[in-house]
Amino acid sequence: MAGTLQLHRGNILDITCDVIVNAANSSLMGGGGVDGAIHKAAGPELKEACKPLAPCPTGEVRVTDGFGVGDRLIFHTVGPVWRGGDQGEAELLKACYSHSLNELLKRELSSIAFPAISTGAYGFPANEAAGIAVSVCRDYIETHPLTITLAAFDETNATAIKAALNQP
């Protein structure tokens, strides 16, 4: 294995890395959960930087500077809203992770922190989301020397990610 994949229980903003992924909404103007926390920490410059990048379709990525979150980039990705699992939600969630990791490689960066995308207000089941995140990230660290951190702010997501990481 060329890279590492790890769990961080706590605030994504506390992770030292090249890129923080924001679980954004399509307007990129901030919202609740991790999106709101990142916008608050980054300051009003982030909202101004996001305006010309919106709307961002589900599964895609937009990139901004970090502003108040330090010398790192923010990758904004829009996760799918859970609609029962038969509306392509899993593929869209995979796209959030793979597009973010492809952007990381394109920019020749090596460390990234992801929140538990879509598991909050968007209702994606934590165990299924964690399995998707771990699967996609493992594929990348097999051949790339990346440090990928999956951040869980709450115990439900931390438990789900830990279980997924323990699966072969």
Protein backbone atom coordinates (compact mmCIF):
# COMPACT_ATOMS: atom_id res chain seq x y z
CA MET A 1 0.00 0.00 0.00
CA ALA A 2 1.43 3.35 -1.04
CA GLY A 3 -0.66 5.65 1.18
CA THR A 4 -2.55 5.79 4.45
CA LEU A 5 -6.22 5.99 5.32
CA GLN A 6 -7.22 7.00 8.83
CA LEU A 7 -10.13 8.09 11.00
CA HIS A 8 -10.19 11.40 12.89
CA ARG A 9 -12.90 11.70 15.55
CA GLY A 10 -13.58 15.41 15.88
CA ASN A 11 -13.53 18.64 13.94
CA ILE A 12 -12.23 18.46 10.36
CA LEU A 13 -10.69 21.92 10.83
CA ASP A 14 -8.26 20.46 13.39
CA ILE A 15 -6.61 18.17 10.81
CA THR A 16 -3.28 19.19 9.31
CA CYS A 17 -3.54 18.56 5.57
CA ASP A 18 -3.25 20.15 2.12
CA VAL A 19 -7.00 20.04 1.43
CA ILE A 20 -10.19 20.09 3.46
CA VAL A 21 -13.27 18.80 1.67
CA ASN A 22 -16.45 20.73 2.30
CA ALA A 23 -19.76 18.89 2.11
CA ALA A 24 -21.42 21.80 0.35
CA ASN A 25 -24.81 22.53 -1.09
CA SER A 26 -25.11 23.38 -4.78
CA SER A 27 -25.18 27.14 -4.13
CA LEU A 28 -21.77 26.95 -2.35
CA MET A 29 -22.98 29.76 -0.08
CA GLY A 30 -22.70 27.91 3.22
CA GLY A 31 -25.30 26.05 5.18
CA GLY A 32 -25.45 23.86 8.24
CA GLY A 33 -23.13 21.22 9.62
CA VAL A 34 -19.59 21.03 8.24
CA ASP A 35 -20.46 23.50 5.46
CA GLY A 36 -21.48 26.16 7.94
CA ALA A 37 -18.46 25.49 10.17
CA ILE A 38 -16.02 25.80 7.26
CA HIS A 39 -17.64 29.00 5.99
CA LYS A 40 -17.60 30.51 9.49
CA ALA A 41 -13.93 29.62 10.02
CA ALA A 42 -12.85 30.72 6.53
CA GLY A 43 -14.59 34.09 6.75
CA PRO A 44 -16.55 36.19 4.25
CA GLU A 45 -13.85 35.89 1.56
CA LEU A 46 -14.88 32.26 1.05
CA LYS A 47 -18.44 33.20 0.11
CA GLU A 48 -17.11 35.75 -2.40
CA ALA A 49 -14.76 33.14 -3.91
CA CYS A 50 -17.61 30.64 -4.22
CA LYS A 51 -20.07 32.94 -6.02
CA PRO A 52 -18.62 32.52 -9.53
CA LEU A 53 -18.22 28.74 -9.02
CA ALA A 54 -21.90 28.03 -8.32
CA PRO A 55 -23.97 26.12 -8.95
CA CYS A 56 -22.05 22.93 -8.30
CA PRO A 57 -23.83 19.77 -9.48
CA THR A 58 -24.04 16.75 -7.18
CA GLY A 59 -20.85 14.67 -7.27
CA GLU A 60 -18.67 17.41 -8.76
CA VAL A 61 -15.94 19.49 -7.11
CA ARG A 62 -15.13 23.20 -7.00
CA VAL A 63 -11.90 24.55 -5.50
CA THR A 64 -11.17 27.68 -3.47
CA ASP A 65 -8.40 28.96 -1.26
CA GLY A 66 -8.76 28.28 2.44
CA PHE A 67 -8.76 31.89 3.61
CA GLY A 68 -9.28 31.73 7.40
CA VAL A 69 -8.75 27.96 7.61
CA GLY A 70 -5.05 28.34 6.89
CA ASP A 71 -2.66 27.60 4.10
CA ARG A 72 -4.70 24.86 2.46
CA LEU A 73 -7.32 24.52 -0.20
CA ILE A 74 -11.00 23.80 0.21
CA PHE A 75 -12.58 21.33 -2.20
CA HIS A 76 -16.35 21.86 -2.23
CA THR A 77 -18.38 18.81 -3.24
CA VAL A 78 -22.12 18.33 -3.23
CA GLY A 79 -23.25 14.96 -1.93
CA PRO A 80 -26.49 13.28 -2.89
CA VAL A 81 -29.70 13.55 -0.90
CA TRP A 82 -30.76 10.06 0.22
CA ARG A 83 -33.98 9.07 -1.55
CA GLY A 84 -34.11 5.40 -0.57
CA GLY A 85 -31.02 4.17 -2.39
CA ASP A 86 -32.44 3.52 -5.84
CA GLN A 87 -31.87 6.98 -7.35
CA GLY A 88 -28.13 6.60 -8.03
CA GLU A 89 -27.14 7.93 -4.62
CA ALA A 90 -24.24 5.50 -4.17
CA GLU A 91 -22.67 6.40 -7.54
CA LEU A 92 -23.05 10.11 -6.83
CA LEU A 93 -21.40 9.71 -3.42
CA LYS A 94 -18.53 7.73 -4.99
CA ALA A 95 -18.13 10.60 -7.47
CA CYS A 96 -17.71 13.09 -4.60
CA TYR A 97 -14.74 11.12 -3.28
CA SER A 98 -13.18 10.17 -6.61
CA HIS A 99 -13.46 13.66 -8.13
CA SER A 100 -11.91 15.15 -4.99
CA LEU A 101 -9.04 12.65 -5.04
CA ASN A 102 -8.47 13.19 -8.77
CA GLU A 103 -8.28 16.94 -8.14
CA LEU A 104 -5.79 16.34 -5.32
CA LEU A 105 -3.57 14.30 -7.66
CA LYS A 106 -3.92 16.83 -10.48
CA ARG A 107 -2.64 19.53 -8.15
CA GLU A 108 0.24 17.28 -6.97
CA LEU A 109 -0.89 17.47 -3.35
CA SER A 110 -0.72 14.54 -0.96
CA SER A 111 -3.05 14.95 2.02
CA ILE A 112 -6.80 15.44 2.24
CA ALA A 113 -9.50 15.34 4.92
CA PHE A 114 -13.07 14.35 4.13
CA PRO A 115 -16.15 14.84 6.29
CA ALA A 116 -18.86 12.17 6.30
CA ILE A 117 -20.43 13.48 3.09
CA SER A 118 -24.26 13.38 2.87
CA THR A 119 -24.78 11.70 6.27
CA GLY A 120 -26.18 14.79 8.00
CA ALA A 121 -29.15 16.73 6.67
CA TYR A 122 -28.99 14.79 3.36
CA GLY A 123 -29.87 11.58 5.21
CA PHE A 124 -27.44 9.08 3.64
CA PRO A 125 -27.17 6.07 6.01
CA ALA A 126 -23.86 6.31 7.90
CA ASN A 127 -22.81 2.67 7.44
CA GLU A 128 -23.40 2.69 3.69
CA ALA A 129 -21.71 6.08 3.28
CA ALA A 130 -18.70 4.94 5.30
CA GLY A 131 -18.35 1.80 3.19
CA ILE A 132 -18.36 3.87 0.00
CA ALA A 133 -15.83 6.37 1.39
CA VAL A 134 -13.43 3.68 2.57
CA SER A 135 -13.73 1.67 -0.66
CA VAL A 136 -12.99 4.64 -2.94
CA CYS A 137 -10.16 5.93 -0.75
CA ARG A 138 -8.54 2.48 -0.48
CA ASP A 139 -8.45 2.26 -4.27
CA TYR A 140 -6.44 5.49 -4.41
CA ILE A 141 -3.96 4.67 -1.63
CA GLU A 142 -3.12 1.36 -3.28
CA THR A 143 -1.16 3.22 -5.96
CA HIS A 144 -0.67 6.78 -4.67
CA PRO A 145 1.30 7.93 -1.59
CA LEU A 146 -1.60 9.91 -0.16
CA THR A 147 -2.66 10.57 3.41
CA ILE A 148 -6.44 10.46 3.51
CA THR A 149 -8.30 11.29 6.71
CA LEU A 150 -11.97 10.53 7.16
CA ALA A 151 -13.30 12.92 9.80
CA ALA A 152 -16.31 12.10 11.94
CA PHE A 153 -17.74 14.82 14.13
CA ASP A 154 -20.25 12.48 15.77
CA GLU A 155 -20.13 9.00 17.25
CA THR A 156 -22.51 7.46 14.69
CA ASN A 157 -20.21 8.32 11.78
CA ALA A 158 -17.05 7.50 13.75
CA THR A 159 -18.41 4.03 14.54
CA ALA A 160 -19.47 3.49 10.91
CA ILE A 161 -16.09 4.58 9.52
CA LYS A 162 -14.18 2.49 12.05
CA ALA A 163 -16.24 -0.57 11.09
CA ALA A 164 -15.63 0.06 7.37
CA LEU A 165 -11.90 0.46 7.97
CA ASN A 166 -11.87 -2.89 9.78
CA GLN A 167 -13.40 -4.69 6.79
CA PRO A 168 -10.88 -6.40 4.51
